[in-house]
Amino acid sequence: MSDPAVHFRLDVSIPPLALDVAIPCGLLINELMSNCFKHAFRPGDKGAIAVLFTQSSADTLCLQITDDGQGMPAAVDPHHAATFGLQLVQTLVDQLHSTLTVSADPVSGRGTAVTVHFPAPTRNGTTEMAA
């Protein structure tokens, strides 16, 4: 059996999430991964996609999805997107009271890195998000 053209790396080390956070996170991961599959690599290209979900500080979680593919076209503004997929991403980011940044993959220097920072769960497992 040959190696797949696109390799995956998964690094998840977060505390349990309440459903009101877990569901939008799952939808966000789904949409960003779908974008990687659709747009990052041309047919036959080899590459890598990474999903990192970590606690970056006592009160902040960081979700980062990166690929080392073609990169996002400069004309695309993920904060004011015309496509339904990126509009959905922005809606989920807003629902999580989070910040979204898009840059090149920090490892390869090319491709796309989408990073979302949002409030971490409190000690009792709930989140304290601003209204």
N, C-alpha and C. Protein backbone atom coordinates (compact mmCIF):
# COMPACT_ATOMS: atom_id res chain seq x y z
N MET A 1 0.85 -1.18 0.00
CA MET A 1 0.00 0.00 0.00
C MET A 1 0.88 1.23 0.00
N SER A 2 0.61 2.22 -0.84
CA SER A 2 1.42 3.42 -0.92
C SER A 2 0.98 4.45 0.11
N ASP A 3 1.87 5.41 0.37
CA ASP A 3 1.55 6.49 1.30
C ASP A 3 0.49 7.40 0.69
N PRO A 4 -0.40 7.92 1.51
CA PRO A 4 -1.37 8.88 0.97
C PRO A 4 -0.66 10.17 0.57
N ALA A 5 -1.27 10.89 -0.36
CA ALA A 5 -0.66 12.13 -0.86
C ALA A 5 -0.64 13.22 0.21
N VAL A 6 -1.63 13.22 1.09
CA VAL A 6 -1.70 14.24 2.13
C VAL A 6 -1.60 13.55 3.49
N HIS A 7 -0.65 13.99 4.29
CA HIS A 7 -0.45 13.43 5.63
C HIS A 7 -1.12 14.32 6.66
N PHE A 8 -1.59 13.72 7.74
CA PHE A 8 -2.29 14.45 8.79
C PHE A 8 -1.52 14.37 10.10
N ARG A 9 -1.59 15.46 10.84
CA ARG A 9 -1.05 15.48 12.20
C ARG A 9 -2.16 16.03 13.10
N LEU A 10 -2.38 15.37 14.20
CA LEU A 10 -3.40 15.77 15.16
C LEU A 10 -2.75 15.92 16.52
N ASP A 11 -2.89 17.08 17.12
CA ASP A 11 -2.34 17.35 18.45
C ASP A 11 -3.43 18.05 19.25
N VAL A 12 -4.09 17.29 20.12
CA VAL A 12 -5.20 17.83 20.91
C VAL A 12 -4.92 17.58 22.38
N SER A 13 -4.89 18.67 23.14
CA SER A 13 -4.68 18.56 24.59
C SER A 13 -5.44 19.68 25.27
N ILE A 14 -6.75 19.51 25.34
CA ILE A 14 -7.62 20.52 25.93
C ILE A 14 -8.46 19.90 27.04
N PRO A 15 -8.97 20.74 27.94
CA PRO A 15 -9.88 20.22 28.97
C PRO A 15 -11.24 19.92 28.33
N PRO A 16 -12.11 19.20 29.04
CA PRO A 16 -13.45 18.92 28.51
C PRO A 16 -14.18 20.23 28.18
N LEU A 17 -14.97 20.18 27.11
CA LEU A 17 -15.72 21.35 26.67
C LEU A 17 -17.21 21.14 26.90
N ALA A 18 -17.89 22.20 27.29
CA ALA A 18 -19.35 22.17 27.38
C ALA A 18 -19.92 22.08 25.97
N LEU A 19 -21.12 21.55 25.83
CA LEU A 19 -21.73 21.38 24.51
C LEU A 19 -21.86 22.69 23.75
N ASP A 20 -22.13 23.80 24.47
CA ASP A 20 -22.28 25.08 23.78
C ASP A 20 -20.98 25.57 23.16
N VAL A 21 -19.86 24.96 23.52
CA VAL A 21 -18.56 25.26 22.93
C VAL A 21 -18.13 24.13 22.00
N ALA A 22 -18.36 22.89 22.40
CA ALA A 22 -17.92 21.73 21.62
C ALA A 22 -18.58 21.68 20.25
N ILE A 23 -19.87 21.96 20.19
CA ILE A 23 -20.57 21.88 18.91
C ILE A 23 -20.06 22.91 17.91
N PRO A 24 -19.96 24.20 18.26
CA PRO A 24 -19.40 25.14 17.28
C PRO A 24 -17.94 24.83 16.94
N CYS A 25 -17.17 24.30 17.90
CA CYS A 25 -15.79 23.91 17.60
C CYS A 25 -15.75 22.80 16.57
N GLY A 26 -16.62 21.81 16.75
CA GLY A 26 -16.69 20.72 15.79
C GLY A 26 -17.08 21.18 14.40
N LEU A 27 -18.06 22.07 14.33
CA LEU A 27 -18.48 22.62 13.04
C LEU A 27 -17.36 23.45 12.42
N LEU A 28 -16.65 24.20 13.23
CA LEU A 28 -15.53 25.02 12.75
C LEU A 28 -14.42 24.14 12.19
N ILE A 29 -14.06 23.10 12.92
CA ILE A 29 -13.03 22.16 12.45
C ILE A 29 -13.48 21.52 11.14
N ASN A 30 -14.74 21.10 11.08
CA ASN A 30 -15.27 20.48 9.87
C ASN A 30 -15.14 21.42 8.67
N GLU A 31 -15.54 22.66 8.83
CA GLU A 31 -15.51 23.61 7.72
C GLU A 31 -14.09 23.93 7.29
N LEU A 32 -13.20 24.14 8.26
CA LEU A 32 -11.80 24.45 7.91
C LEU A 32 -11.11 23.26 7.26
N MET A 33 -11.38 22.05 7.74
CA MET A 33 -10.81 20.87 7.10
C MET A 33 -11.37 20.69 5.70
N SER A 34 -12.66 20.93 5.52
CA SER A 34 -13.25 20.85 4.17
C SER A 34 -12.56 21.81 3.22
N ASN A 35 -12.27 23.02 3.71
CA ASN A 35 -11.57 24.00 2.87
C ASN A 35 -10.18 23.49 2.49
N CYS A 36 -9.48 22.85 3.43
CA CYS A 36 -8.17 22.27 3.11
C CYS A 36 -8.30 21.25 1.99
N PHE A 37 -9.27 20.34 2.12
CA PHE A 37 -9.45 19.30 1.11
C PHE A 37 -9.81 19.88 -0.25
N LYS A 38 -10.64 20.91 -0.27
CA LYS A 38 -11.11 21.49 -1.53
C LYS A 38 -10.08 22.38 -2.21
N HIS A 39 -9.31 23.15 -1.41
CA HIS A 39 -8.55 24.24 -2.00
C HIS A 39 -7.04 24.20 -1.81
N ALA A 40 -6.53 23.47 -0.85
CA ALA A 40 -5.11 23.58 -0.51
C ALA A 40 -4.20 22.90 -1.53
N PHE A 41 -4.62 21.78 -2.07
CA PHE A 41 -3.73 20.99 -2.90
C PHE A 41 -4.34 20.73 -4.28
N ARG A 42 -3.50 20.80 -5.29
CA ARG A 42 -3.93 20.43 -6.64
C ARG A 42 -3.91 18.90 -6.74
N PRO A 43 -4.66 18.33 -7.66
CA PRO A 43 -4.65 16.86 -7.81
C PRO A 43 -3.22 16.34 -7.98
N GLY A 44 -2.89 15.32 -7.20
CA GLY A 44 -1.57 14.71 -7.27
C GLY A 44 -0.52 15.35 -6.37
N ASP A 45 -0.82 16.54 -5.81
CA ASP A 45 0.13 17.19 -4.89
C ASP A 45 0.27 16.37 -3.62
N LYS A 46 1.45 16.41 -3.05
CA LYS A 46 1.67 15.86 -1.71
C LYS A 46 1.68 17.03 -0.73
N GLY A 47 1.33 16.76 0.50
CA GLY A 47 1.32 17.83 1.48
C GLY A 47 0.95 17.33 2.85
N ALA A 48 0.69 18.29 3.73
CA ALA A 48 0.36 17.97 5.11
C ALA A 48 -0.70 18.93 5.63
N ILE A 49 -1.57 18.38 6.46
CA ILE A 49 -2.57 19.16 7.18
C ILE A 49 -2.40 18.84 8.66
N ALA A 50 -2.42 19.87 9.49
CA ALA A 50 -2.28 19.67 10.93
C ALA A 50 -3.44 20.33 11.66
N VAL A 51 -3.94 19.65 12.67
CA VAL A 51 -4.97 20.20 13.56
C VAL A 51 -4.35 20.23 14.95
N LEU A 52 -4.20 21.42 15.49
CA LEU A 52 -3.68 21.59 16.84
C LEU A 52 -4.75 22.27 17.67
N PHE A 53 -5.07 21.69 18.81
CA PHE A 53 -6.09 22.24 19.69
C PHE A 53 -5.52 22.16 21.10
N THR A 54 -5.06 23.29 21.61
CA THR A 54 -4.34 23.32 22.87
C THR A 54 -4.86 24.45 23.76
N GLN A 55 -4.48 24.39 25.02
CA GLN A 55 -4.77 25.48 25.94
C GLN A 55 -3.54 26.37 25.95
N SER A 56 -3.68 27.58 25.38
CA SER A 56 -2.52 28.46 25.23
C SER A 56 -2.23 29.28 26.48
N SER A 57 -3.24 29.43 27.35
CA SER A 57 -3.04 30.08 28.65
C SER A 57 -4.13 29.58 29.58
N ALA A 58 -4.11 30.02 30.82
CA ALA A 58 -5.10 29.55 31.79
C ALA A 58 -6.53 29.84 31.35
N ASP A 59 -6.72 30.91 30.59
CA ASP A 59 -8.08 31.28 30.21
C ASP A 59 -8.33 31.30 28.70
N THR A 60 -7.42 30.71 27.91
CA THR A 60 -7.57 30.75 26.46
C THR A 60 -7.24 29.40 25.82
N LEU A 61 -8.11 28.98 24.89
CA LEU A 61 -7.85 27.81 24.07
C LEU A 61 -7.44 28.28 22.68
N CYS A 62 -6.63 27.49 22.01
CA CYS A 62 -6.16 27.82 20.67
C CYS A 62 -6.43 26.64 19.74
N LEU A 63 -7.20 26.89 18.70
CA LEU A 63 -7.45 25.92 17.64
C LEU A 63 -6.71 26.43 16.41
N GLN A 64 -5.83 25.59 15.86
CA GLN A 64 -5.11 25.99 14.66
C GLN A 64 -5.15 24.85 13.66
N ILE A 65 -5.57 25.18 12.44
CA ILE A 65 -5.57 24.22 11.34
C ILE A 65 -4.66 24.79 10.26
N THR A 66 -3.64 23.99 9.90
CA THR A 66 -2.66 24.45 8.93
C THR A 66 -2.54 23.46 7.79
N ASP A 67 -2.15 23.99 6.64
CA ASP A 67 -1.78 23.13 5.51
C ASP A 67 -0.57 23.77 4.84
N ASP A 68 0.17 22.97 4.10
CA ASP A 68 1.33 23.51 3.38
C ASP A 68 1.09 23.51 1.88
N GLY A 69 -0.17 23.76 1.53
CA GLY A 69 -0.58 23.76 0.13
C GLY A 69 -0.38 25.10 -0.56
N GLN A 70 -1.31 25.45 -1.44
CA GLN A 70 -1.21 26.63 -2.30
C GLN A 70 -1.33 27.96 -1.56
N GLY A 71 -1.95 27.96 -0.42
CA GLY A 71 -2.20 29.20 0.30
C GLY A 71 -3.49 29.85 -0.14
N MET A 72 -4.00 30.71 0.71
CA MET A 72 -5.24 31.40 0.42
C MET A 72 -4.95 32.58 -0.52
N PRO A 73 -5.73 32.75 -1.56
CA PRO A 73 -5.49 33.88 -2.46
C PRO A 73 -5.55 35.21 -1.70
N ALA A 74 -4.70 36.13 -2.08
CA ALA A 74 -4.62 37.42 -1.39
C ALA A 74 -5.94 38.18 -1.45
N ALA A 75 -6.73 37.95 -2.48
CA ALA A 75 -8.00 38.67 -2.64
C ALA A 75 -9.07 38.19 -1.67
N VAL A 76 -8.86 37.06 -1.01
CA VAL A 76 -9.87 36.50 -0.09
C VAL A 76 -9.66 37.10 1.30
N ASP A 77 -10.70 37.74 1.81
CA ASP A 77 -10.68 38.27 3.18
C ASP A 77 -11.61 37.41 4.02
N PRO A 78 -11.05 36.52 4.88
CA PRO A 78 -11.91 35.62 5.64
C PRO A 78 -12.86 36.32 6.60
N HIS A 79 -12.58 37.57 6.95
CA HIS A 79 -13.45 38.31 7.86
C HIS A 79 -14.67 38.91 7.14
N HIS A 80 -14.57 39.05 5.83
CA HIS A 80 -15.67 39.61 5.02
C HIS A 80 -15.82 38.77 3.75
N ALA A 81 -15.99 37.49 3.92
CA ALA A 81 -15.99 36.56 2.79
C ALA A 81 -17.30 36.57 2.03
N ALA A 82 -17.19 36.29 0.75
CA ALA A 82 -18.37 36.18 -0.11
C ALA A 82 -18.87 34.74 -0.17
N THR A 83 -18.04 33.77 0.20
CA THR A 83 -18.44 32.37 0.11
C THR A 83 -19.17 31.93 1.38
N PHE A 84 -20.09 30.99 1.20
CA PHE A 84 -20.86 30.51 2.34
C PHE A 84 -19.96 29.87 3.39
N GLY A 85 -18.98 29.08 2.95
CA GLY A 85 -18.09 28.39 3.89
C GLY A 85 -17.35 29.34 4.80
N LEU A 86 -16.75 30.39 4.25
CA LEU A 86 -16.02 31.34 5.09
C LEU A 86 -16.97 32.22 5.90
N GLN A 87 -18.18 32.46 5.40
CA GLN A 87 -19.18 33.16 6.21
C GLN A 87 -19.55 32.31 7.43
N LEU A 88 -19.68 31.00 7.22
CA LEU A 88 -19.98 30.09 8.32
C LEU A 88 -18.84 30.10 9.34
N VAL A 89 -17.60 30.08 8.86
CA VAL A 89 -16.44 30.15 9.76
C VAL A 89 -16.53 31.41 10.62
N GLN A 90 -16.80 32.55 10.00
CA GLN A 90 -16.87 33.81 10.76
C GLN A 90 -18.02 33.79 11.75
N THR A 91 -19.16 33.20 11.38
CA THR A 91 -20.30 33.09 12.30
C THR A 91 -19.94 32.24 13.51
N LEU A 92 -19.25 31.12 13.29
CA LEU A 92 -18.85 30.25 14.40
C LEU A 92 -17.81 30.92 15.28
N VAL A 93 -16.89 31.66 14.67
CA VAL A 93 -15.89 32.42 15.44
C VAL A 93 -16.60 33.44 16.33
N ASP A 94 -17.58 34.14 15.78
CA ASP A 94 -18.35 35.10 16.57
C ASP A 94 -19.11 34.40 17.69
N GLN A 95 -19.70 33.24 17.40
CA GLN A 95 -20.46 32.50 18.41
C GLN A 95 -19.57 32.08 19.57
N LEU A 96 -18.31 31.78 19.29
CA LEU A 96 -17.36 31.38 20.33
C LEU A 96 -16.69 32.58 21.01
N HIS A 97 -17.07 33.80 20.61
CA HIS A 97 -16.47 35.02 21.16
C HIS A 97 -14.95 34.95 21.04
N SER A 98 -14.51 34.61 19.84
CA SER A 98 -13.09 34.35 19.63
C SER A 98 -12.49 35.30 18.62
N THR A 99 -11.19 35.13 18.41
CA THR A 99 -10.48 35.90 17.39
C THR A 99 -9.98 34.94 16.33
N LEU A 100 -9.97 35.40 15.09
CA LEU A 100 -9.55 34.60 13.95
C LEU A 100 -8.39 35.31 13.27
N THR A 101 -7.32 34.56 13.03
CA THR A 101 -6.22 35.08 12.23
C THR A 101 -5.89 34.07 11.14
N VAL A 102 -5.50 34.58 10.00
CA VAL A 102 -5.12 33.74 8.87
C VAL A 102 -3.75 34.19 8.41
N SER A 103 -2.84 33.23 8.26
CA SER A 103 -1.47 33.54 7.83
C SER A 103 -0.93 32.34 7.06
N ALA A 104 0.33 32.44 6.66
CA ALA A 104 0.99 31.28 6.06
C ALA A 104 1.30 30.27 7.15
N ASP A 105 1.43 29.00 6.78
CA ASP A 105 1.79 27.94 7.73
C ASP A 105 3.12 28.31 8.39
N PRO A 106 3.16 28.39 9.72
CA PRO A 106 4.39 28.81 10.40
C PRO A 106 5.54 27.82 10.26
N VAL A 107 5.26 26.57 9.94
CA VAL A 107 6.33 25.58 9.79
C VAL A 107 6.95 25.64 8.41
N SER A 108 6.11 25.61 7.37
CA SER A 108 6.63 25.57 6.01
C SER A 108 6.83 26.96 5.40
N GLY A 109 6.16 27.97 5.97
CA GLY A 109 6.23 29.31 5.40
C GLY A 109 5.33 29.50 4.20
N ARG A 110 4.59 28.48 3.84
CA ARG A 110 3.63 28.60 2.73
C ARG A 110 2.32 27.95 3.18
N GLY A 111 1.37 27.86 2.30
CA GLY A 111 0.10 27.28 2.70
C GLY A 111 -0.71 28.25 3.53
N THR A 112 -1.56 27.70 4.37
CA THR A 112 -2.47 28.53 5.17
C THR A 112 -2.51 28.02 6.60
N ALA A 113 -2.54 28.95 7.53
CA ALA A 113 -2.74 28.65 8.95
C ALA A 113 -3.92 29.49 9.42
N VAL A 114 -4.95 28.83 9.90
CA VAL A 114 -6.10 29.52 10.47
C VAL A 114 -6.05 29.25 11.97
N THR A 115 -6.00 30.34 12.75
CA THR A 115 -5.87 30.23 14.19
C THR A 115 -7.05 30.93 14.86
N VAL A 116 -7.66 30.22 15.80
CA VAL A 116 -8.80 30.75 16.55
C VAL A 116 -8.47 30.66 18.03
N HIS A 117 -8.53 31.79 18.73
CA HIS A 117 -8.35 31.82 20.19
C HIS A 117 -9.70 32.14 20.82
N PHE A 118 -10.05 31.37 21.85
CA PHE A 118 -11.33 31.63 22.52
C PHE A 118 -11.24 31.24 23.99
N PRO A 119 -12.21 31.70 24.80
CA PRO A 119 -12.17 31.46 26.24
C PRO A 119 -12.16 29.98 26.59
N ALA A 120 -11.31 29.62 27.54
CA ALA A 120 -11.21 28.24 28.02
C ALA A 120 -12.31 27.96 29.03
N PRO A 121 -12.66 26.69 29.21
CA PRO A 121 -13.65 26.34 30.23
C PRO A 121 -13.13 26.70 31.63
N THR A 122 -14.05 27.01 32.51
CA THR A 122 -13.67 27.25 33.90
C THR A 122 -13.46 25.91 34.59
N ARG A 123 -13.10 25.93 35.86
CA ARG A 123 -12.82 24.68 36.60
C ARG A 123 -14.00 23.72 36.63
N ASN A 124 -15.22 24.24 36.58
CA ASN A 124 -16.38 23.35 36.64
C ASN A 124 -16.80 22.83 35.28
N GLY A 125 -16.00 23.14 34.22
CA GLY A 125 -16.28 22.60 32.90
C GLY A 125 -17.11 23.49 32.01
N THR A 126 -17.64 24.59 32.56
CA THR A 126 -18.40 25.51 31.73
C THR A 126 -17.49 26.60 31.23
N THR A 127 -18.00 27.38 30.31
CA THR A 127 -17.23 28.51 29.80
C THR A 127 -17.86 29.79 30.30
N GLU A 128 -17.04 30.80 30.42
CA GLU A 128 -17.55 32.11 30.79
C GLU A 128 -17.28 33.04 29.62
N MET A 129 -18.22 33.06 28.68
CA MET A 129 -18.08 33.88 27.51
C MET A 129 -18.87 35.17 27.72
N ALA A 130 -18.30 36.23 27.19
CA ALA A 130 -19.00 37.51 27.26
C ALA A 130 -20.26 37.44 26.41
N ALA A 131 -21.30 38.12 26.83
CA ALA A 131 -22.57 38.10 26.08
C ALA A 131 -22.51 38.98 24.87
